[in-house]
Amino acid sequence: MQTYNIAVLAGDGIGPEVMAEAIKVLEATQQNLALN
């Protein structure tokens, strides 16, 4: 299986509340797609 590294970086116009929700999505997806 291929592995991917995903970086989460807050950028211009993206606030902490958006990043917190994006991390929740990645954590939920991690269970089904073997993300680390």
Protein backbone atom coordinates (compact mmCIF):
# COMPACT_ATOMS: atom_id res chain seq x y z
CA MET A 1 0.00 0.00 0.00
CA GLN A 2 1.26 3.47 -0.85
CA THR A 3 1.88 5.91 2.00
CA TYR A 4 1.27 9.65 2.04
CA ASN A 5 2.46 12.35 4.42
CA ILE A 6 -0.04 15.14 4.96
CA ALA A 7 1.03 18.44 6.50
CA VAL A 8 -1.54 20.73 8.08
CA LEU A 9 -0.46 24.36 7.87
CA ALA A 10 -2.52 27.38 8.75
CA GLY A 11 -2.27 29.91 5.95
CA ASP A 12 -3.44 33.34 4.94
CA GLY A 13 -7.16 33.60 5.68
CA ILE A 14 -7.41 30.17 7.31
CA GLY A 15 -8.08 30.53 11.01
CA PRO A 16 -7.49 28.10 13.86
CA GLU A 17 -11.16 27.07 13.90
CA VAL A 18 -10.94 25.90 10.27
CA MET A 19 -7.72 24.01 10.92
CA ALA A 20 -9.23 22.30 13.98
CA GLU A 21 -12.11 20.99 11.85
CA ALA A 22 -9.74 19.89 9.08
CA ILE A 23 -7.73 17.89 11.62
CA LYS A 24 -10.94 16.21 12.82
CA VAL A 25 -11.70 15.16 9.24
CA LEU A 26 -8.18 13.76 8.78
CA GLU A 27 -8.39 11.86 12.07
CA ALA A 28 -11.74 10.31 11.08
CA THR A 29 -10.41 9.42 7.63
CA GLN A 30 -7.26 7.94 9.11
CA GLN A 31 -9.23 5.02 10.54
CA ASN A 32 -10.49 3.95 7.10
CA LEU A 33 -7.47 4.73 4.93
CA ALA A 34 -4.53 3.76 7.17
CA LEU A 35 -3.22 7.34 7.42
CA ASN A 36 -0.53 8.14 9.99
